[in-house]
Protein backbone atom coordinates (compact mmCIF):
# COMPACT_ATOMS: atom_id res chain seq x y z
CA MET A 1 103.19 -4.50 63.23
CA ALA A 2 103.39 -5.51 67.19
CA LYS A 3 99.82 -3.87 67.51
CA PHE A 4 98.23 -5.49 64.81
CA PHE A 5 99.41 -9.12 65.93
CA LEU A 6 98.33 -8.23 69.29
CA THR A 7 94.73 -6.96 68.25
CA PHE A 8 94.51 -10.17 66.05
CA PHE A 9 94.82 -12.37 69.07
CA VAL A 10 92.60 -10.68 71.27
CA ALA A 11 90.03 -11.00 68.30
CA ALA A 12 90.88 -14.19 67.88
CA PHE A 13 90.70 -15.30 71.74
CA PHE A 14 87.11 -13.82 71.81
CA THR A 15 85.79 -15.49 68.76
CA SER A 16 86.86 -18.76 70.29
CA ILE A 17 84.55 -18.27 73.21
CA PRO A 18 81.30 -20.11 72.07
CA ALA A 19 78.20 -17.93 72.35
CA LEU A 20 75.06 -18.89 74.74
CA ALA A 21 73.47 -21.60 72.77
CA GLU A 22 69.45 -21.78 72.94
CA VAL A 23 66.90 -24.04 71.94
CA GLU A 24 64.26 -22.12 69.59
CA VAL A 25 60.48 -22.74 70.07
CA SER A 26 57.41 -21.69 67.75
CA VAL A 27 54.13 -22.52 67.27
CA GLY A 28 52.04 -23.23 64.22
CA THR A 29 49.13 -25.32 62.40
CA SER A 30 50.41 -28.41 61.27
CA SER A 31 49.10 -29.37 58.14
CA GLN A 32 46.75 -32.19 59.43
CA GLY A 33 44.69 -29.64 61.16
CA GLY A 34 45.52 -28.79 64.96
CA LYS A 35 48.20 -26.64 66.90
CA GLU A 36 52.10 -27.41 65.89
CA LEU A 37 55.12 -26.96 68.12
CA ILE A 38 58.57 -26.82 66.22
CA VAL A 39 61.32 -27.28 68.53
CA GLU A 40 65.01 -27.00 67.08
CA ASN A 41 68.28 -27.37 68.34
CA ALA A 42 71.84 -27.55 66.99
CA LEU A 43 71.16 -30.04 64.72
CA VAL A 44 67.60 -31.23 64.32
CA ARG A 45 63.91 -29.49 63.91
CA TYR A 46 61.53 -31.40 65.89
CA ARG A 47 57.62 -30.77 64.97
CA PHE A 48 54.92 -32.26 67.61
CA TRP A 49 51.16 -32.21 66.70
CA GLU A 50 48.41 -32.14 68.90
CA ARG A 51 46.23 -34.29 66.60
CA GLY A 52 47.54 -37.78 68.20
CA GLY A 53 50.00 -36.37 70.16
CA VAL A 54 52.93 -37.50 67.72
CA LEU A 55 56.15 -36.73 66.90
CA ALA A 56 55.63 -35.46 63.34
CA SER A 57 58.90 -34.67 62.14
CA GLY A 58 63.03 -34.81 63.35
CA TYR A 59 64.41 -32.87 60.03
CA LEU A 60 67.72 -32.93 60.07
CA TYR A 61 68.74 -29.55 58.81
CA PHE A 62 72.49 -29.68 59.93
CA ALA A 63 73.76 -30.90 56.51
CA PRO A 64 77.75 -30.70 56.24
CA TYR A 65 79.87 -31.19 53.20
CA GLY A 66 78.65 -35.01 51.52
CA THR A 67 75.29 -34.91 53.10
CA VAL A 68 71.58 -33.80 51.99
CA LYS A 69 68.67 -32.73 54.71
CA LEU A 70 66.23 -35.01 55.31
CA ASP A 71 63.78 -36.24 57.49
CA ALA A 72 64.71 -39.25 60.20
CA VAL A 73 60.92 -39.86 61.07
CA PRO A 74 59.71 -42.20 58.93
CA GLY A 75 56.80 -41.50 56.58
CA TRP A 76 58.16 -38.68 54.90
CA THR A 77 58.94 -38.57 51.33
CA GLN A 78 62.90 -37.79 51.05
CA GLU A 79 62.52 -34.76 48.27
CA ARG A 80 63.41 -31.51 48.23
CA GLU A 81 60.19 -30.41 49.79
CA PRO A 82 59.59 -33.44 52.18
CA ALA A 83 55.87 -34.40 52.21
CA LEU A 84 53.98 -36.92 54.73
CA VAL A 85 52.83 -40.03 52.69
CA GLN A 86 49.06 -40.34 52.99
CA GLY A 87 47.89 -42.26 55.55
CA VAL A 88 50.90 -43.29 57.75
CA SER A 89 51.22 -43.37 61.48
CA LEU A 90 53.40 -41.17 63.00
CA PRO A 91 55.54 -42.05 66.22
CA LEU A 92 53.82 -42.56 69.77
CA GLU A 93 50.53 -42.69 68.37
CA ILE A 94 48.43 -44.75 70.71
CA TRP A 95 45.85 -47.84 70.63
CA PRO A 96 44.33 -47.77 73.97
CA ASP A 97 42.16 -51.02 73.19
CA GLY A 98 44.68 -52.41 70.67
CA SER A 99 42.88 -51.60 67.56
CA PRO A 100 43.93 -49.14 65.08
CA LEU A 101 42.35 -45.81 65.31
CA GLU A 102 40.06 -44.48 62.83
CA LYS A 103 40.69 -40.48 64.14
CA PRO A 104 43.30 -40.01 66.89
CA PRO A 105 42.32 -37.85 69.66
CA LEU A 106 43.46 -34.13 70.44
CA TYR A 107 45.98 -33.72 72.94
CA GLU A 108 47.19 -31.17 75.15
CA LEU A 109 50.45 -29.74 73.91
CA SER A 110 52.59 -27.60 76.16
CA CYS A 111 56.28 -26.71 76.01
CA SER A 112 58.50 -25.59 79.37
CA ARG A 113 61.93 -24.32 79.16
CA LYS A 114 64.06 -26.09 81.72
CA ASP A 115 67.18 -23.97 80.97
CA ALA A 116 68.26 -21.89 78.37
CA ASP A 117 69.68 -24.90 75.98
CA GLU A 118 67.10 -27.72 77.27
CA VAL A 119 62.99 -27.62 76.70
CA GLU A 120 60.61 -30.12 77.76
CA VAL A 121 57.81 -30.97 75.41
CA LYS A 122 54.40 -32.33 77.24
CA LEU A 123 51.39 -34.20 75.27
CA SER A 124 48.53 -35.20 77.46
CA TRP A 125 45.21 -36.93 77.10
CA ASN A 126 42.38 -38.03 79.72
CA ASP A 127 39.09 -39.65 78.49
CA GLY A 128 38.38 -40.41 82.20
CA ALA A 129 39.13 -43.77 81.94
CA PHE A 130 42.37 -43.68 80.29
CA GLN A 131 45.25 -41.38 80.85
CA VAL A 132 48.68 -40.73 78.74
CA GLU A 133 51.20 -38.45 79.11
CA LYS A 134 54.35 -38.14 76.60
CA ASN A 135 57.62 -36.14 77.72
CA PHE A 136 60.19 -35.11 75.09
CA VAL A 137 63.79 -33.29 76.88
CA ILE A 138 65.21 -31.61 73.68
CA ALA A 139 68.73 -30.23 74.70
CA GLU A 140 70.42 -27.63 72.38
CA LYS A 141 73.62 -29.82 72.15
CA ALA A 142 72.19 -33.30 72.04
CA VAL A 143 73.62 -35.15 68.95
CA TYR A 144 70.35 -36.80 67.69
CA THR A 145 69.13 -38.00 71.00
CA ALA A 146 66.21 -37.02 73.46
CA PRO A 147 65.14 -38.76 76.39
CA VAL A 148 61.43 -39.63 76.25
CA THR A 149 58.86 -40.94 78.67
CA VAL A 150 55.35 -42.46 78.11
CA LYS A 151 53.10 -42.70 81.16
CA LEU A 152 49.94 -44.63 81.18
CA VAL A 153 47.52 -44.80 83.73
CA GLY A 154 44.15 -46.85 83.53
CA GLU A 155 42.83 -50.53 82.95
CA GLY A 156 43.24 -52.37 79.70
CA LYS A 157 44.97 -55.32 77.58
CA GLY A 158 46.59 -55.16 74.58
CA ILE A 159 47.67 -51.45 74.71
CA LYS A 160 50.16 -50.59 71.62
CA LEU A 161 52.27 -48.00 71.37
CA VAL A 162 53.16 -47.17 67.78
CA LEU A 163 57.00 -46.20 67.09
CA GLY A 164 56.71 -45.33 63.67
CA HIS A 165 55.64 -46.17 60.01
CA LEU A 166 57.62 -48.93 58.39
CA PRO A 167 58.29 -48.38 54.85
CA GLN A 168 58.13 -51.16 52.25
CA GLU A 169 59.81 -49.76 49.13
CA LYS A 170 62.73 -51.08 47.63
CA GLY A 171 65.82 -49.45 49.52
CA ALA A 172 63.84 -48.46 52.60
CA PRO A 173 65.52 -48.83 56.18
CA GLU A 174 65.71 -52.27 57.64
CA LEU A 175 63.70 -52.93 61.03
CA LEU A 176 66.15 -53.89 63.80
CA TYR A 177 65.79 -55.24 67.12
CA LEU A 178 68.19 -55.09 69.61
CA TYR A 179 68.95 -58.10 72.38
CA ASP A 180 71.57 -58.24 74.74
CA GLY A 181 73.66 -55.43 72.48
CA GLU A 182 73.40 -57.55 69.41
CA ALA A 183 70.90 -56.65 66.46
CA GLU A 184 68.45 -59.34 65.14
CA LYS A 185 66.03 -58.82 62.36
CA SER A 186 63.24 -60.52 63.98
CA PRO A 187 61.79 -60.96 67.24
CA LEU A 188 63.29 -63.20 69.74
CA ALA A 189 61.47 -65.58 71.73
CA PRO A 190 61.01 -65.19 75.25
CA GLY A 191 63.61 -67.12 77.20
CA ALA A 192 66.25 -66.46 74.19
CA TYR A 193 67.54 -63.67 75.56
CA ASP A 194 68.34 -61.60 78.80
CA ARG A 195 67.54 -58.16 77.98
CA PHE A 196 65.41 -56.43 75.09
CA GLU A 197 67.05 -53.08 74.35
CA GLY A 198 64.98 -51.40 71.80
CA LEU A 199 64.39 -51.50 67.96
CA GLY A 200 63.97 -49.07 65.28
CA LEU A 201 64.80 -48.18 61.39
CA VAL A 202 68.44 -48.50 60.21
CA GLY A 203 69.25 -47.03 57.16
CA LYS A 204 72.06 -45.90 54.80
CA LEU A 205 71.81 -42.29 55.65
CA SER A 206 69.49 -42.12 58.94
CA VAL A 207 68.71 -44.10 61.87
CA PHE A 208 65.70 -44.05 64.10
CA PHE A 209 66.15 -46.13 66.70
CA TRP A 210 64.20 -46.42 70.42
CA LYS A 211 66.50 -47.66 73.04
CA VAL A 212 64.85 -48.83 75.80
CA ASP A 213 65.68 -47.41 79.36
CA GLY A 214 65.51 -50.07 81.81
CA GLU A 215 63.59 -53.50 81.60
CA LEU A 216 59.86 -52.84 80.61
CA PRO A 217 56.77 -55.20 80.08
CA VAL A 218 56.35 -54.90 76.29
CA VAL A 219 56.51 -56.99 73.54
CA PRO A 220 57.30 -55.94 69.48
CA PHE A 221 54.76 -55.92 67.20
CA GLN A 222 54.23 -54.96 63.57
CA GLU A 223 50.42 -54.17 62.39
CA ARG A 224 48.47 -52.19 59.65
CA ASN A 225 47.06 -48.96 60.81
CA ALA A 226 42.97 -47.99 59.81
CA ALA A 227 44.67 -46.64 56.50
CA GLY A 228 46.25 -50.18 55.44
CA GLN A 229 49.75 -48.64 56.60
CA PRO A 230 52.31 -50.80 57.89
CA VAL A 231 53.76 -50.11 61.45
CA PHE A 232 56.10 -51.32 63.82
CA GLY A 233 55.69 -50.48 67.93
CA LEU A 234 55.14 -52.11 71.67
CA GLU A 235 52.56 -53.72 73.03
CA VAL A 236 51.60 -54.02 76.82
CA PRO A 237 49.88 -56.88 77.27
CA GLU A 238 48.18 -55.99 80.46
CA LEU A 239 48.27 -52.50 82.41
CA SER A 240 46.07 -52.11 85.60
CA GLY A 241 47.29 -48.79 87.42
CA GLU A 242 50.22 -46.68 86.12
CA LEU A 243 53.12 -47.92 84.13
CA THR A 244 55.68 -45.43 82.71
CA LEU A 245 57.61 -46.18 79.55
CA ARG A 246 61.27 -44.85 79.16
CA PHE A 247 63.05 -44.36 76.14
CA THR A 248 66.15 -42.65 74.45
CA LEU A 249 65.21 -41.72 70.80
CA TYR A 250 67.81 -41.64 67.98
CA ALA A 251 66.74 -39.95 65.11
CA GLY A 252 69.73 -39.12 63.19
CA ARG A 253 72.18 -39.96 60.96
CA ASN A 254 74.40 -43.51 60.12
CA ARG A 255 77.45 -42.22 61.73
CA TYR A 256 79.12 -45.24 64.09
CA ILE A 257 80.85 -42.78 66.75
CA LEU A 258 77.63 -40.88 67.21
CA LEU A 259 75.45 -44.45 67.57
CA GLU A 260 78.21 -45.31 70.17
CA LYS A 261 77.61 -42.38 72.34
CA ALA A 262 73.96 -43.35 72.56
CA GLY A 263 74.78 -46.80 73.14
CA LEU A 264 73.57 -48.56 69.77
CA GLN A 265 76.60 -49.71 68.75
CA GLY A 266 75.14 -53.15 68.32
CA ILE A 267 73.19 -52.19 65.52
CA VAL A 268 76.11 -51.26 62.97
CA GLU A 269 78.64 -53.45 61.62
CA LEU A 270 81.93 -52.13 61.03
CA GLY A 271 84.96 -53.78 58.52
CA PHE A 272 88.51 -53.02 59.13
CA PHE A 273 89.01 -49.57 57.52
CA SER A 274 85.84 -48.37 59.49
CA ARG A 275 87.77 -49.65 62.85
CA PHE A 276 90.57 -47.98 62.27
CA LEU A 277 88.75 -44.85 61.24
CA VAL A 278 86.93 -45.02 64.42
CA GLY A 279 90.31 -45.35 65.82
CA VAL A 280 91.52 -41.96 64.30
CA ILE A 281 88.17 -40.14 65.42
CA LYS A 282 88.71 -41.02 68.77
CA PHE A 283 92.37 -39.58 68.71
CA LEU A 284 91.11 -36.65 67.40
CA GLU A 285 88.32 -36.52 70.25
CA ALA A 286 91.05 -36.79 72.84
CA LEU A 287 93.12 -34.21 71.62
CA TYR A 288 89.85 -32.07 71.71
CA HIS A 289 89.37 -32.73 75.40
CA ALA A 290 92.86 -32.25 76.14
CA THR A 291 92.86 -28.46 74.12
CA GLY A 292 89.03 -27.87 73.93
CA ASN A 293 88.93 -26.88 70.37
CA TYR A 294 88.95 -28.96 67.53
CA GLY A 295 91.26 -26.05 65.69
CA TRP A 296 94.25 -27.48 68.55
CA ALA A 297 93.33 -30.96 67.71
CA ILE A 298 94.06 -30.73 64.12
CA VAL A 299 96.94 -28.73 64.71
CA LEU A 300 98.08 -31.34 66.82
CA PHE A 301 96.64 -34.30 64.62
CA THR A 302 98.94 -32.32 61.80
CA LEU A 303 102.24 -32.03 63.66
CA THR A 304 102.08 -35.83 64.73
CA ALA A 305 101.80 -36.67 61.37
CA GLN A 306 104.54 -34.63 59.89
CA LEU A 307 106.79 -35.99 63.19
CA PHE A 308 105.82 -39.53 62.14
CA LEU A 309 106.76 -38.94 58.61
CA PHE A 310 110.07 -36.36 59.17
CA PRO A 311 112.42 -38.97 58.54
CA LEU A 312 111.19 -40.25 55.06
CA THR A 313 109.98 -36.97 53.87
CA ARG A 314 113.45 -35.18 54.59
CA SER A 315 114.95 -37.76 52.75
CA GLN A 316 112.91 -36.81 49.74
CA ILE A 317 113.63 -33.36 50.05
CA ARG A 318 116.77 -34.15 50.40
CA SER A 319 116.47 -36.02 47.06
CA MET A 320 114.67 -33.17 45.31
CA ALA A 321 117.11 -30.97 46.20
CA LYS A 322 119.96 -32.97 44.35
CA MET A 323 117.52 -33.09 41.56
CA GLN A 324 117.99 -29.44 41.45
CA ARG A 325 121.88 -29.68 41.35
CA LEU A 326 121.70 -32.32 38.71
CA GLN A 327 119.89 -30.15 36.07
CA PRO A 328 122.85 -28.57 33.79
CA LYS A 329 124.22 -32.70 33.79
CA ILE A 330 120.91 -33.44 32.39
CA GLN A 331 120.90 -30.85 29.95
CA ARG A 332 124.07 -31.40 28.96
CA LEU A 333 123.03 -35.16 28.11
CA GLN A 334 120.23 -33.92 26.24
CA ARG A 335 122.16 -32.33 24.28
CA LEU A 336 124.80 -34.82 23.68
CA TYR A 337 122.26 -37.57 22.89
CA LYS A 338 119.22 -35.65 21.39
CA GLU A 339 119.36 -37.77 18.48
CA ASP A 340 120.01 -41.01 20.67
CA LYS A 341 116.96 -41.62 23.34
CA GLU A 342 117.83 -44.76 24.13
CA ALA A 343 121.41 -43.65 24.74
CA PHE A 344 120.37 -40.92 26.74
CA GLN A 345 117.99 -42.63 29.07
CA LYS A 346 120.67 -45.23 29.92
CA HIS A 347 123.58 -42.05 30.59
CA LEU A 348 120.73 -40.35 32.94
CA VAL A 349 119.73 -43.53 34.71
CA GLU A 350 123.64 -44.12 35.46
CA LEU A 351 123.85 -40.49 36.43
CA TYR A 352 120.93 -41.00 38.77
CA ARG A 353 122.57 -44.21 40.06
CA GLN A 354 125.93 -42.61 40.75
CA GLU A 355 124.55 -39.31 42.75
CA LYS A 356 122.18 -41.48 44.83
CA VAL A 357 119.25 -39.95 43.46
CA ASN A 358 115.40 -40.76 43.46
CA PRO A 359 113.76 -38.85 40.17
CA LEU A 360 110.45 -39.50 41.79
CA GLY A 361 111.34 -38.40 45.14
CA GLY A 362 109.97 -34.71 44.75
CA CYS A 363 106.31 -36.49 44.35
CA MET A 364 106.92 -38.32 47.41
CA PRO A 365 106.43 -35.79 50.10
CA LEU A 366 103.20 -34.88 48.63
CA LEU A 367 101.93 -37.96 48.06
CA LEU A 368 102.87 -39.39 51.76
CA GLN A 369 99.95 -36.83 52.90
CA PHE A 370 97.26 -38.39 51.17
CA PRO A 371 96.35 -41.32 53.67
CA PHE A 372 96.25 -38.74 56.17
CA LEU A 373 94.34 -36.65 54.24
CA ILE A 374 91.75 -39.17 53.54
CA LEU A 375 91.71 -40.20 57.31
CA LEU A 376 90.97 -36.60 58.51
CA TRP A 377 88.47 -36.19 55.75
CA GLN A 378 86.86 -39.31 56.60
CA SER A 379 87.05 -38.62 60.58
CA ILE A 380 85.40 -34.73 60.07
CA PHE A 381 82.73 -36.27 57.96
CA ASN A 382 81.67 -38.94 60.46
CA SER A 383 82.05 -36.66 63.16
CA ALA A 384 80.91 -33.33 62.00
CA GLU A 385 78.09 -32.73 64.50
CA LEU A 386 81.06 -33.04 67.13
CA PHE A 387 83.07 -30.56 65.39
CA HIS A 388 79.53 -28.47 64.97
CA LEU A 389 78.95 -28.43 68.66
CA SER A 390 82.67 -27.46 69.64
CA PRO A 391 83.64 -23.84 70.25
CA PRO A 392 84.66 -21.91 67.04
CA PHE A 393 88.26 -21.75 66.22
CA LEU A 394 89.61 -18.09 65.49
CA TRP A 395 87.55 -16.78 62.61
CA ILE A 396 86.35 -19.87 61.63
CA PRO A 397 82.74 -20.64 63.53
CA ASP A 398 82.49 -24.54 62.24
CA LEU A 399 85.49 -26.66 61.28
CA SER A 400 83.56 -29.35 59.59
CA LEU A 401 81.69 -26.73 57.33
CA PRO A 402 83.62 -24.48 54.65
CA ASP A 403 85.67 -21.32 55.86
CA PRO A 404 82.70 -18.67 55.41
CA TYR A 405 85.70 -15.92 54.45
CA TYR A 406 87.84 -18.09 52.67
CA ILE A 407 90.70 -16.91 54.84
CA ILE A 408 92.44 -20.27 55.10
CA ILE A 409 92.36 -20.94 52.03
CA ALA A 410 93.99 -17.66 50.67
CA LEU A 411 96.84 -18.40 53.68
CA THR A 412 97.44 -22.04 52.08
CA VAL A 413 97.56 -20.95 48.75
CA ALA A 414 100.00 -17.91 49.88
CA VAL A 415 102.05 -20.41 51.95
CA GLN A 416 102.45 -22.94 48.56
CA LEU A 417 102.98 -20.12 46.08
CA LEU A 418 105.89 -18.54 48.24
CA GLY A 419 107.54 -22.00 48.52
CA GLN A 420 107.27 -22.15 44.88
CA TRP A 421 108.81 -18.85 44.35
CA PHE A 422 111.88 -20.06 46.68
CA THR A 423 112.05 -23.30 44.69
CA THR A 424 112.12 -21.22 41.55
CA ARG A 425 115.16 -18.89 43.12
CA ARG A 426 117.07 -22.02 44.43
CA ALA A 427 117.12 -23.51 40.71
CA PRO A 428 116.89 -21.24 37.94
CA THR A 429 118.87 -23.70 35.54
CA GLN A 430 115.93 -25.99 35.82
CA ALA A 431 115.42 -27.51 31.99
CA GLY A 432 111.91 -26.32 30.95
CA GLY A 433 109.42 -23.99 32.37
CA GLY A 434 106.54 -26.89 32.39
CA ALA A 435 107.31 -28.22 35.67
CA GLN A 436 107.62 -24.55 36.99
CA LEU A 437 104.29 -23.54 35.52
CA ILE A 438 102.54 -26.53 36.98
CA GLY A 439 103.84 -25.55 40.47
CA TRP A 440 102.32 -21.89 40.20
CA ILE A 441 99.15 -23.46 38.81
CA PHE A 442 98.39 -26.31 40.87
CA PRO A 443 97.70 -24.33 44.30
CA LEU A 444 95.08 -22.16 42.47
CA PHE A 445 93.35 -24.71 40.70
CA PHE A 446 93.60 -27.02 44.00
CA ALA A 447 91.85 -24.21 45.79
CA PHE A 448 88.88 -23.34 43.18
CA LEU A 449 88.14 -27.27 43.25
CA PHE A 450 87.91 -27.94 46.75
CA ARG A 451 87.11 -24.44 48.30
CA ASN A 452 83.62 -25.81 49.33
CA PHE A 453 85.62 -28.44 51.69
CA PRO A 454 85.52 -28.17 55.45
CA ALA A 455 87.47 -25.82 56.80
CA GLY A 456 89.20 -28.28 59.08
CA LEU A 457 90.61 -30.33 56.12
CA TRP A 458 92.06 -26.59 55.10
CA LEU A 459 93.70 -26.14 58.03
CA TYR A 460 95.65 -29.35 58.10
CA TRP A 461 96.45 -28.59 54.22
CA PHE A 462 98.00 -24.91 55.36
CA LEU A 463 99.97 -26.12 58.30
CA TYR A 464 101.21 -29.13 56.27
CA SER A 465 102.03 -26.59 53.40
CA SER A 466 103.99 -24.45 56.32
CA VAL A 467 105.86 -27.29 57.72
CA GLN A 468 107.12 -28.60 54.29
CA SER A 469 108.10 -25.01 53.14
CA ILE A 470 109.76 -24.91 56.52
CA MET A 471 111.83 -28.26 55.82
CA GLN A 472 112.68 -27.62 52.39
CA ALA A 473 114.49 -24.38 53.29
CA VAL A 474 116.49 -26.01 56.05
CA VAL A 475 117.36 -29.03 54.08
CA HIS A 476 118.63 -26.68 51.34
CA TRP A 477 120.53 -25.00 54.13
CA GLU A 478 122.40 -28.25 55.49
CA LEU A 479 122.98 -29.14 51.77
CA THR A 480 124.20 -25.91 50.94
CA ARG A 481 126.97 -25.90 53.72
CA ALA A 482 127.81 -29.70 53.01
CA GLY A 483 128.67 -28.49 49.36
CA ILE A 484 126.08 -30.70 47.95
CA THR A 485 123.90 -27.68 46.27
CA SER A 486 125.30 -24.72 45.05
CA PRO A 487 123.61 -20.82 45.41
CA PRO A 488 121.92 -19.87 42.48
CA GLN A 489 123.99 -18.95 39.54
CA PRO A 490 123.78 -15.33 38.28
CA LYS A 491 121.96 -15.38 34.36
CA GLY A 492 124.28 -15.37 31.32
CA GLU A 493 126.96 -17.67 33.20
CA GLY A 494 125.80 -20.49 30.54
CA GLY A 495 124.05 -23.69 30.42
CA ASP A 496 126.74 -25.54 32.13
CA ALA A 497 126.96 -23.50 35.41
CA GLY A 498 127.26 -25.52 38.65
CA GLU A 499 128.60 -28.70 36.64
CA THR A 500 131.04 -30.39 38.60
C-alpha cells in the first residue's frame, strides 16, 4: 500500500510539470489566392495572407464549457464552417493615396522563431516610392494579445490604415473609441481629450480592439472600400520620411479580467455582481501565484469557504443528527394520530420545539454551498484561459475543461455514497426508505448530469463532500459522547427503540 501511494504521488508530481510549449507554424494557400501563413498558440489560430499583407483570421479554437469557437476578426460568418463575407477588407490593408484599393498588392510574407514559445511574422511591400513593413509577435501563452508594428516609409497625404470590417447587421459588435481610459461611441474632437488610446469592435462574445501604444499622429476614420463594404481604421494626415505605428491587438473573448490585463478595462461596464465576481477571480489568482497551481488554489478556496461556513454548518449537522434520534418518536406520533393529520402536525411542531430541532437543518449544509459553487463556476468560466495556460494538476491537464478520465467525478461519487452509507448505519430506524433512496441516487444523477462541467468545479465538490463527511462523523461522535444520540439499535428491538 505504501508503495502504491509513493508511486502515485511521484507520478502526480511529474504530471504537474508543464510541458514545453511551442507556437505551431504552417504554410498553405489562401482562399483568395497567394500564400497563407498559419500561426497557432494555446488559444488562437492566426492566418496571414500575402495578398494585401493582412491578418486574415484570428480563430478562437479554445472553447471551454459554455463557449463556442469563433473568429474574432470581423468579416467572417459565425457558423459551424466560418466563411469570409464577399468583398470585406481585412485588418492592416493599406490605402497609400487614401483611396480604396481595387486590387491589394502582393506582400512578401516571412516568419522567424524568436524563441520556442514566440514567433514573429513579417509582411513587407515596396513599390520603390512607398514602403510598408508590418510585424506581429505571437507568443504561446499570450492571452489574446499580440504586439503589432506598422512602419511606413515615403511621402504622402491621407494614408489610410484599415483596421477591420465594420459589421452592419442586427446584433453586430459596436465600434468604440478609447480616450483617456473611457469608451466613446464616436470620435472626439481634437482638444476634447488628452490621449487617444485606440478603437475596435466590442461584441457580446468577442472583442477586436487595437490599443495604441504611445502618441501617434493619426485620426480615426470610417469609409467604404471598393466593394462597398464599410471599414474602420486610422488615417495618417501627412507622411514625410518614416513613421512607425505601434499597437497591441486584442482579438479574443469578451472577459473583463482578460481585457483588464490588456489595459482595456475602460471598454466594459461592470455591474455589482460582476465587480464582486472580479474580486473572487483575483482572489483565486492570488492563491495561484502563492501556490503555482490553480488546483491548489481551488483547494485553498474550498478550505476558506468551509472555514467561513463552519459554525453554521456544524449547527445544521447537529440538527440533522438530532432529527435522526427523533425518528422513533415521530413514528409513534404517526401511529397515534394516523387518522388526525391536524393533531399530528401540532404535536410534531411541539416536539421540534421541545427538542430545539430545525426539520430543514439537513438541507442547509448543501444549500449553503451553492453561492460558493456558483461563484467558482463563474470565476472559472470568466478566466478559463488563465486556467488553460497554467500547469496541470495531478492527472488533470486543464481544470477549465472536463476531467478526461472522469476520475475526479468517480472519487466525488464514491465519497458521497460512503457518507450516505454511514448515515444509513447511524439511523436504521428512519421512517420510510424514500429519503434514503434519494440519498443513494442523487450523487449518481448529479454526476451524469454535470459530467462535462470543468474539472475545477468537480475538485471543489469533491473537497466539499470529503469535508462534509468528516464533519458529520465528528459531530455524531460529539453527540454520542454527550448522550444526545444513541448508537444504532439492533434489528428486531421494536419500532420504539431509542425512545426516551
